[in-house]
Amino acid sequence: MSVVQIPTNFNIELEFELADFGKRILAYLIDFAICTLYVIFIIKILDNSRFENGYDEWGLWMVLYFPVVVYDLVFETLMNGQSPGKKILKLRVVRQDGGRPSFTQFATRWLLRFIDFTCSLGMAGTLSVALTKLNQRLGDTAAGTIVISTKYQPDIDETLFMEVADSYVPKFPMVMQLTDRDINTIKRVLDRSWKDNNADLLFRTYEKVIQRLNVQTNMRPRDFLETLLKDYNYLSAK
């Protein structure tokens, strides 16, 4: 198991388990199988269709094949860094700082799939993953992303946001001084502390946040950080 330590805005390092190479290959094969089944389906549609000329058939083929071309880009963008194959194997694409990649980053790693897989028959991507410290293929290196295992995370929505009742009253409005990246760090600390029962990590984050926001509270570290998440979600929606 390869583990990478990523520094956060609060000068606290979070550990992420890098995706196992075998699981990345298996996830790729699952996605490839899904695309193959889709292509077989559209071939049958075209075989049963009549066209007045080859241009009509070629045009329809291009339209129907387009979802295969953008398969990874669409799924990873809409499913927070996961394709169906990655979701099944509990893998996720994240930024090198542990946050969610931007669309530009997803697009960069998608465009470089042509070099990583298509034109090099997978050799460029395989060698890059094997030789780089963070197990990055060329697309990951260019985009500034890594692929991690998510098996430690609770079975809850992976976004920063949660539903908060309209009647909710924020306790720490100064939480809006924090950025999305800060809130993402707090959420990951909470998730990680549940898994590892890491009270030290929780307390150090608690102290850093209190210093950053200049607040005083008698709340327990976990309760305080969870309250900040609720406050942030409520206030950011207003």
C-alpha atoms as a PDB file:
ATOM      1  CA  MET A   1       0.000   0.000   0.000  1.00  0.00           C
ATOM      2  CA  SER A   2       1.454   3.400  -1.032  1.00  0.00           C
ATOM      3  CA  VAL A   3       0.535   6.352   1.155  1.00  0.00           C
ATOM      4  CA  VAL A   4       1.061  10.023   0.353  1.00  0.00           C
ATOM      5  CA  GLN A   5       1.010  12.820   2.925  1.00  0.00           C
ATOM      6  CA  ILE A   6      -0.562  16.032   1.666  1.00  0.00           C
ATOM      7  CA  PRO A   7      -0.094  19.348   3.526  1.00  0.00           C
ATOM      8  CA  THR A   8      -3.265  21.390   4.106  1.00  0.00           C
ATOM      9  CA  ASN A   9      -3.964  25.074   4.681  1.00  0.00           C
ATOM     10  CA  PHE A  10      -3.846  24.428   8.440  1.00  0.00           C
ATOM     11  CA  ASN A  11      -0.280  23.026   8.266  1.00  0.00           C
ATOM     12  CA  ILE A  12      -1.628  19.572   9.055  1.00  0.00           C
ATOM     13  CA  GLU A  13      -0.731  16.663   6.821  1.00  0.00           C
ATOM     14  CA  LEU A  14      -3.467  14.267   5.734  1.00  0.00           C
ATOM     15  CA  GLU A  15      -2.651  10.772   4.569  1.00  0.00           C
ATOM     16  CA  PHE A  16      -4.170   9.395   1.374  1.00  0.00           C
ATOM     17  CA  GLU A  17      -3.805   5.862   0.140  1.00  0.00           C
ATOM     18  CA  LEU A  18      -2.687   5.900  -3.492  1.00  0.00           C
ATOM     19  CA  ALA A  19      -4.678   3.653  -5.802  1.00  0.00           C
ATOM     20  CA  ASP A  20      -3.240   0.197  -6.278  1.00  0.00           C
ATOM     21  CA  PHE A  21      -1.944  -0.288  -9.834  1.00  0.00           C
ATOM     22  CA  GLY A  22      -3.864  -3.539 -10.246  1.00  0.00           C
ATOM     23  CA  LYS A  23      -7.117  -1.863  -9.205  1.00  0.00           C
ATOM     24  CA  ARG A  24      -6.512   0.973 -11.668  1.00  0.00           C
ATOM     25  CA  ILE A  25      -6.101  -1.555 -14.462  1.00  0.00           C
ATOM     26  CA  LEU A  26      -9.236  -3.419 -13.364  1.00  0.00           C
ATOM     27  CA  ALA A  27     -11.218  -0.170 -13.193  1.00  0.00           C
ATOM     28  CA  TYR A  28     -10.023   0.645 -16.719  1.00  0.00           C
ATOM     29  CA  LEU A  29     -11.119  -2.798 -17.944  1.00  0.00           C
ATOM     30  CA  ILE A  30     -14.566  -2.359 -16.379  1.00  0.00           C
ATOM     31  CA  ASP A  31     -14.995   0.988 -18.134  1.00  0.00           C
ATOM     32  CA  PHE A  32     -13.657  -0.533 -21.354  1.00  0.00           C
ATOM     33  CA  ALA A  33     -16.192  -3.372 -21.089  1.00  0.00           C
ATOM     34  CA  ILE A  34     -19.047  -0.876 -20.620  1.00  0.00           C
ATOM     35  CA  CYS A  35     -17.930   1.069 -23.696  1.00  0.00           C
ATOM     36  CA  THR A  36     -17.540  -2.159 -25.691  1.00  0.00           C
ATOM     37  CA  LEU A  37     -21.077  -3.281 -24.858  1.00  0.00           C
ATOM     38  CA  TYR A  38     -22.345   0.131 -25.923  1.00  0.00           C
ATOM     39  CA  VAL A  39     -20.451  -0.048 -29.230  1.00  0.00           C
ATOM     40  CA  ILE A  40     -21.877  -3.533 -29.909  1.00  0.00           C
ATOM     41  CA  PHE A  41     -25.334  -2.116 -29.249  1.00  0.00           C
ATOM     42  CA  ILE A  42     -24.936   0.780 -31.697  1.00  0.00           C
ATOM     43  CA  ILE A  43     -23.443  -1.543 -34.343  1.00  0.00           C
ATOM     44  CA  LYS A  44     -26.622  -3.620 -34.198  1.00  0.00           C
ATOM     45  CA  ILE A  45     -28.677  -0.454 -34.553  1.00  0.00           C
ATOM     46  CA  LEU A  46     -26.720   0.574 -37.656  1.00  0.00           C
ATOM     47  CA  ASP A  47     -26.890  -2.926 -39.151  1.00  0.00           C
ATOM     48  CA  ASN A  48     -30.678  -2.812 -38.954  1.00  0.00           C
ATOM     49  CA  SER A  49     -30.916   0.675 -40.444  1.00  0.00           C
ATOM     50  CA  ARG A  50     -31.176   1.693 -44.071  1.00  0.00           C
ATOM     51  CA  PHE A  51     -29.346   4.719 -45.418  1.00  0.00           C
ATOM     52  CA  GLU A  52     -29.654   6.544 -48.696  1.00  0.00           C
ATOM     53  CA  ASN A  53     -25.909   7.171 -48.803  1.00  0.00           C
ATOM     54  CA  GLY A  54     -22.719   6.539 -46.881  1.00  0.00           C
ATOM     55  CA  TYR A  55     -22.597  10.079 -45.540  1.00  0.00           C
ATOM     56  CA  ASP A  56     -25.797   9.571 -43.550  1.00  0.00           C
ATOM     57  CA  GLU A  57     -24.465   6.328 -42.060  1.00  0.00           C
ATOM     58  CA  TRP A  58     -21.104   7.912 -41.218  1.00  0.00           C
ATOM     59  CA  GLY A  59     -22.782  10.923 -39.595  1.00  0.00           C
ATOM     60  CA  LEU A  60     -25.015   8.752 -37.422  1.00  0.00           C
ATOM     61  CA  TRP A  61     -22.056   6.566 -36.471  1.00  0.00           C
ATOM     62  CA  MET A  62     -20.085   9.635 -35.302  1.00  0.00           C
ATOM     63  CA  VAL A  63     -23.028  10.895 -33.227  1.00  0.00           C
ATOM     64  CA  LEU A  64     -23.643   7.528 -31.578  1.00  0.00           C
ATOM     65  CA  TYR A  65     -19.951   6.882 -30.933  1.00  0.00           C
ATOM     66  CA  PHE A  66     -19.358  10.304 -29.339  1.00  0.00           C
ATOM     67  CA  PRO A  67     -20.396   9.150 -25.804  1.00  0.00           C
ATOM     68  CA  VAL A  68     -17.531   6.625 -25.888  1.00  0.00           C
ATOM     69  CA  VAL A  69     -15.064   9.397 -26.699  1.00  0.00           C
ATOM     70  CA  VAL A  70     -16.144  11.620 -23.796  1.00  0.00           C
ATOM     71  CA  TYR A  71     -17.004   8.747 -21.422  1.00  0.00           C
ATOM     72  CA  ASP A  72     -14.226   9.390 -18.884  1.00  0.00           C
ATOM     73  CA  LEU A  73     -14.463  13.174 -19.016  1.00  0.00           C
ATOM     74  CA  VAL A  74     -18.232  13.219 -18.441  1.00  0.00           C
ATOM     75  CA  PHE A  75     -18.325  10.635 -15.673  1.00  0.00           C
ATOM     76  CA  GLU A  76     -15.291  11.944 -13.763  1.00  0.00           C
ATOM     77  CA  THR A  77     -16.643  15.508 -13.947  1.00  0.00           C
ATOM     78  CA  LEU A  78     -20.195  14.621 -12.893  1.00  0.00           C
ATOM     79  CA  MET A  79     -19.290  11.887 -10.384  1.00  0.00           C
ATOM     80  CA  ASN A  80     -16.634  13.834  -8.462  1.00  0.00           C
ATOM     81  CA  GLY A  81     -13.586  12.117  -9.957  1.00  0.00           C
ATOM     82  CA  GLN A  82     -15.055   8.680 -10.535  1.00  0.00           C
ATOM     83  CA  SER A  83     -16.021   6.666 -13.598  1.00  0.00           C
ATOM     84  CA  PRO A  84     -18.256   3.600 -13.083  1.00  0.00           C
ATOM     85  CA  GLY A  85     -15.135   1.419 -12.984  1.00  0.00           C
ATOM     86  CA  LYS A  86     -13.448   3.634 -10.408  1.00  0.00           C
ATOM     87  CA  LYS A  87     -16.597   3.783  -8.297  1.00  0.00           C
ATOM     88  CA  ILE A  88     -16.881  -0.020  -8.230  1.00  0.00           C
ATOM     89  CA  LEU A  89     -13.203  -0.339  -7.216  1.00  0.00           C
ATOM     90  CA  LYS A  90     -13.479   2.599  -4.751  1.00  0.00           C
ATOM     91  CA  LEU A  91     -10.981   4.851  -6.532  1.00  0.00           C
ATOM     92  CA  ARG A  92     -11.161   8.584  -7.119  1.00  0.00           C
ATOM     93  CA  VAL A  93      -9.270  11.287  -9.010  1.00  0.00           C
ATOM     94  CA  VAL A  94      -8.339  14.220  -6.747  1.00  0.00           C
ATOM     95  CA  ARG A  95      -6.027  17.207  -6.915  1.00  0.00           C
ATOM     96  CA  GLN A  96      -2.546  16.759  -5.500  1.00  0.00           C
ATOM     97  CA  ASP A  97      -3.660  18.780  -2.469  1.00  0.00           C
ATOM     98  CA  GLY A  98      -6.547  16.360  -1.899  1.00  0.00           C
ATOM     99  CA  GLY A  99      -9.304  18.651  -3.204  1.00  0.00           C
ATOM    100  CA  ARG A 100     -11.708  18.205  -6.083  1.00  0.00           C
ATOM    101  CA  PRO A 101     -10.137  18.831  -9.525  1.00  0.00           C
ATOM    102  CA  SER A 102     -11.452  21.600 -11.743  1.00  0.00           C
ATOM    103  CA  PHE A 103     -13.037  20.872 -15.107  1.00  0.00           C
ATOM    104  CA  THR A 104      -9.800  22.029 -16.755  1.00  0.00           C
ATOM    105  CA  GLN A 105      -7.851  19.409 -14.816  1.00  0.00           C
ATOM    106  CA  PHE A 106     -10.324  16.675 -15.737  1.00  0.00           C
ATOM    107  CA  ALA A 107     -10.140  17.802 -19.380  1.00  0.00           C
ATOM    108  CA  THR A 108      -6.319  17.811 -19.360  1.00  0.00           C
ATOM    109  CA  ARG A 109      -6.009  14.225 -18.089  1.00  0.00           C
ATOM    110  CA  TRP A 110      -8.753  13.178 -20.540  1.00  0.00           C
ATOM    111  CA  LEU A 111      -6.978  14.728 -23.532  1.00  0.00           C
ATOM    112  CA  LEU A 112      -3.709  13.024 -22.625  1.00  0.00           C
ATOM    113  CA  ARG A 113      -5.387   9.608 -22.577  1.00  0.00           C
ATOM    114  CA  PHE A 114      -4.552   9.609 -26.291  1.00  0.00           C
ATOM    115  CA  ILE A 115      -0.844   9.477 -25.412  1.00  0.00           C
ATOM    116  CA  ASP A 116      -1.174   7.388 -22.248  1.00  0.00           C
ATOM    117  CA  PHE A 117      -3.288   4.664 -23.840  1.00  0.00           C
ATOM    118  CA  THR A 118      -4.289   5.036 -27.496  1.00  0.00           C
ATOM    119  CA  CYS A 119      -1.111   5.940 -29.352  1.00  0.00           C
ATOM    120  CA  SER A 120       1.261   4.055 -27.041  1.00  0.00           C
ATOM    121  CA  LEU A 121      -1.025   1.030 -26.547  1.00  0.00           C
ATOM    122  CA  GLY A 122      -1.041   1.751 -22.832  1.00  0.00           C
ATOM    123  CA  MET A 123       2.745   1.659 -22.425  1.00  0.00           C
ATOM    124  CA  ALA A 124       3.199   5.393 -21.723  1.00  0.00           C
ATOM    125  CA  GLY A 125       0.568   5.398 -18.991  1.00  0.00           C
ATOM    126  CA  THR A 126       1.831   2.154 -17.456  1.00  0.00           C
ATOM    127  CA  LEU A 127       5.468   3.264 -17.328  1.00  0.00           C
ATOM    128  CA  SER A 128       4.540   6.676 -15.961  1.00  0.00           C
ATOM    129  CA  VAL A 129       2.468   5.162 -13.127  1.00  0.00           C
ATOM    130  CA  ALA A 130       5.269   2.705 -12.326  1.00  0.00           C
ATOM    131  CA  LEU A 131       8.054   5.314 -12.309  1.00  0.00           C
ATOM    132  CA  THR A 132       6.482   8.377 -10.689  1.00  0.00           C
ATOM    133  CA  LYS A 133       6.455   8.922  -6.933  1.00  0.00           C
ATOM    134  CA  LEU A 134       2.702   9.559  -6.816  1.00  0.00           C
ATOM    135  CA  ASN A 135       1.799   6.811  -9.320  1.00  0.00           C
ATOM    136  CA  GLN A 136       0.714   9.369 -11.906  1.00  0.00           C
ATOM    137  CA  ARG A 137       0.186   8.716 -15.581  1.00  0.00           C
ATOM    138  CA  LEU A 138       1.180  11.518 -17.961  1.00  0.00           C
ATOM    139  CA  GLY A 139      -2.332  12.966 -17.844  1.00  0.00           C
ATOM    140  CA  ASP A 140      -2.206  13.130 -14.047  1.00  0.00           C
ATOM    141  CA  THR A 141       1.209  14.794 -14.044  1.00  0.00           C
ATOM    142  CA  ALA A 142       0.079  17.462 -16.503  1.00  0.00           C
ATOM    143  CA  ALA A 143      -3.238  18.046 -14.713  1.00  0.00           C
ATOM    144  CA  GLY A 144      -1.806  18.001 -11.189  1.00  0.00           C
ATOM    145  CA  THR A 145      -4.018  15.103 -10.084  1.00  0.00           C
ATOM    146  CA  ILE A 146      -3.574  11.749  -8.352  1.00  0.00           C
ATOM    147  CA  VAL A 147      -5.774   8.663  -8.050  1.00  0.00           C
ATOM    148  CA  ILE A 148      -6.518   7.563  -4.485  1.00  0.00           C
ATOM    149  CA  SER A 149      -8.415   4.799  -2.741  1.00  0.00           C
ATOM    150  CA  THR A 150     -11.675   5.916  -1.103  1.00  0.00           C
ATOM    151  CA  LYS A 151     -12.401   2.747   0.846  1.00  0.00           C
ATOM    152  CA  TYR A 152     -11.718   4.539   4.138  1.00  0.00           C
ATOM    153  CA  GLN A 153     -14.449   7.104   3.561  1.00  0.00           C
ATOM    154  CA  PRO A 154     -17.951   6.742   5.025  1.00  0.00           C
ATOM    155  CA  ASP A 155     -20.797   5.876   2.680  1.00  0.00           C
ATOM    156  CA  ILE A 156     -22.060   9.441   2.470  1.00  0.00           C
ATOM    157  CA  ASP A 157     -22.166  12.081  -0.232  1.00  0.00           C
ATOM    158  CA  GLU A 158     -18.609  13.087  -1.174  1.00  0.00           C
ATOM    159  CA  THR A 159     -19.336  16.756  -1.793  1.00  0.00           C
ATOM    160  CA  LEU A 160     -18.678  19.510   0.733  1.00  0.00           C
ATOM    161  CA  PHE A 161     -22.331  20.357   0.938  1.00  0.00           C
ATOM    162  CA  MET A 162     -25.150  19.046   3.105  1.00  0.00           C
ATOM    163  CA  GLU A 163     -28.785  19.935   3.567  1.00  0.00           C
ATOM    164  CA  VAL A 164     -29.435  22.242   6.506  1.00  0.00           C
ATOM    165  CA  ALA A 165     -32.914  23.178   7.728  1.00  0.00           C
ATOM    166  CA  ASP A 166     -34.142  26.704   6.950  1.00  0.00           C
ATOM    167  CA  SER A 167     -34.699  27.210  10.673  1.00  0.00           C
ATOM    168  CA  TYR A 168     -31.054  26.466  11.449  1.00  0.00           C
ATOM    169  CA  VAL A 169     -29.222  29.221  13.343  1.00  0.00           C
ATOM    170  CA  PRO A 170     -25.457  29.456  12.610  1.00  0.00           C
ATOM    171  CA  LYS A 171     -23.266  29.534  15.702  1.00  0.00           C
ATOM    172  CA  PHE A 172     -20.053  30.720  14.060  1.00  0.00           C
ATOM    173  CA  PRO A 173     -20.792  33.148  11.193  1.00  0.00           C
ATOM    174  CA  MET A 174     -17.083  33.935  10.964  1.00  0.00           C
ATOM    175  CA  VAL A 175     -16.729  30.529   9.292  1.00  0.00           C
ATOM    176  CA  MET A 176     -17.213  32.365   5.988  1.00  0.00           C
ATOM    177  CA  GLN A 177     -13.613  33.567   6.374  1.00  0.00           C
ATOM    178  CA  LEU A 178     -12.625  30.034   5.372  1.00  0.00           C
ATOM    179  CA  THR A 179     -12.364  28.873   1.769  1.00  0.00           C
ATOM    180  CA  ASP A 180     -13.875  25.813   0.127  1.00  0.00           C
ATOM    181  CA  ARG A 181     -10.445  24.222   0.381  1.00  0.00           C
ATOM    182  CA  ASP A 182     -10.370  24.888   4.149  1.00  0.00           C
ATOM    183  CA  ILE A 183     -13.813  23.338   4.560  1.00  0.00           C
ATOM    184  CA  ASN A 184     -12.745  20.403   2.423  1.00  0.00           C
ATOM    185  CA  THR A 185      -9.771  19.891   4.757  1.00  0.00           C
ATOM    186  CA  ILE A 186     -12.040  19.950   7.834  1.00  0.00           C
ATOM    187  CA  LYS A 187     -14.357  17.405   6.249  1.00  0.00           C
ATOM    188  CA  ARG A 188     -11.488  15.103   5.366  1.00  0.00           C
ATOM    189  CA  VAL A 189     -10.068  15.393   8.880  1.00  0.00           C
ATOM    190  CA  LEU A 190     -13.448  14.380  10.305  1.00  0.00           C
ATOM    191  CA  ASP A 191     -13.718  11.446   7.883  1.00  0.00           C
ATOM    192  CA  ARG A 192     -10.168  10.328   8.575  1.00  0.00           C
ATOM    193  CA  SER A 193     -10.550  10.612  12.349  1.00  0.00           C
ATOM    194  CA  TRP A 194     -13.623   8.362  12.231  1.00  0.00           C
ATOM    195  CA  LYS A 195     -11.608   5.708  10.438  1.00  0.00           C
ATOM    196  CA  ASP A 196      -8.414   5.899  12.472  1.00  0.00           C
ATOM    197  CA  ASN A 197      -9.881   7.131  15.771  1.00  0.00           C
ATOM    198  CA  ASN A 198      -7.195   9.797  15.514  1.00  0.00           C
ATOM    199  CA  ALA A 199      -7.975  12.203  18.369  1.00  0.00           C
ATOM    200  CA  ASP A 200      -4.636  14.016  17.937  1.00  0.00           C
ATOM    201  CA  LEU A 201      -5.354  14.931  14.307  1.00  0.00           C
ATOM    202  CA  LEU A 202      -8.819  16.125  15.313  1.00  0.00           C
ATOM    203  CA  PHE A 203      -7.506  18.263  18.185  1.00  0.00           C
ATOM    204  CA  ARG A 204      -4.687  19.830  16.147  1.00  0.00           C
ATOM    205  CA  THR A 205      -7.167  20.814  13.434  1.00  0.00           C
ATOM    206  CA  TYR A 206      -9.522  22.191  16.086  1.00  0.00           C
ATOM    207  CA  GLU A 207      -6.739  24.365  17.520  1.00  0.00           C
ATOM    208  CA  LYS A 208      -5.641  25.636  14.093  1.00  0.00           C
ATOM    209  CA  VAL A 209      -9.200  26.586  13.119  1.00  0.00           C
ATOM    210  CA  ILE A 210      -9.833  28.369  16.419  1.00  0.00           C
ATOM    211  CA  GLN A 211      -6.644  30.389  15.891  1.00  0.00           C
ATOM    212  CA  ARG A 212      -7.585  31.181  12.293  1.00  0.00           C
ATOM    213  CA  LEU A 213     -11.110  32.343  13.201  1.00  0.00           C
ATOM    214  CA  ASN A 214     -10.123  33.859  16.567  1.00  0.00           C
ATOM    215  CA  VAL A 215     -13.053  32.296  18.420  1.00  0.00           C
ATOM    216  CA  GLN A 216     -13.553  30.853  21.882  1.00  0.00           C
ATOM    217  CA  THR A 217     -15.687  27.777  22.500  1.00  0.00           C
ATOM    218  CA  ASN A 218     -16.159  25.018  25.050  1.00  0.00           C
ATOM    219  CA  MET A 219     -17.395  22.584  22.403  1.00  0.00           C
ATOM    220  CA  ARG A 220     -15.574  19.310  21.892  1.00  0.00           C
ATOM    221  CA  PRO A 221     -13.286  19.301  18.813  1.00  0.00           C
ATOM    222  CA  ARG A 222     -15.514  17.026  16.740  1.00  0.00           C
ATOM    223  CA  ASP A 223     -18.712  18.876  17.646  1.00  0.00           C
ATOM    224  CA  PHE A 224     -17.064  22.215  16.851  1.00  0.00           C
ATOM    225  CA  LEU A 225     -15.787  21.124  13.436  1.00  0.00           C
ATOM    226  CA  GLU A 226     -19.088  19.486  12.499  1.00  0.00           C
ATOM    227  CA  THR A 227     -20.905  22.680  13.531  1.00  0.00           C
ATOM    228  CA  LEU A 228     -18.605  24.697  11.278  1.00  0.00           C
ATOM    229  CA  LEU A 229     -19.560  22.492   8.332  1.00  0.00           C
ATOM    230  CA  LYS A 230     -23.253  23.080   9.016  1.00  0.00           C
ATOM    231  CA  ASP A 231     -22.732  26.826   9.457  1.00  0.00           C
ATOM    232  CA  TYR A 232     -20.756  27.060   6.230  1.00  0.00           C
ATOM    233  CA  ASN A 233     -23.369  25.164   4.250  1.00  0.00           C
ATOM    234  CA  TYR A 234     -26.209  27.256   5.656  1.00  0.00           C
ATOM    235  CA  LEU A 235     -24.494  30.611   5.119  1.00  0.00           C
ATOM    236  CA  SER A 236     -23.075  29.802   1.677  1.00  0.00           C
ATOM    237  CA  ALA A 237     -26.583  28.960   0.439  1.00  0.00           C
ATOM    238  CA  LYS A 238     -27.949  32.346   1.447  1.00  0.00           C
END
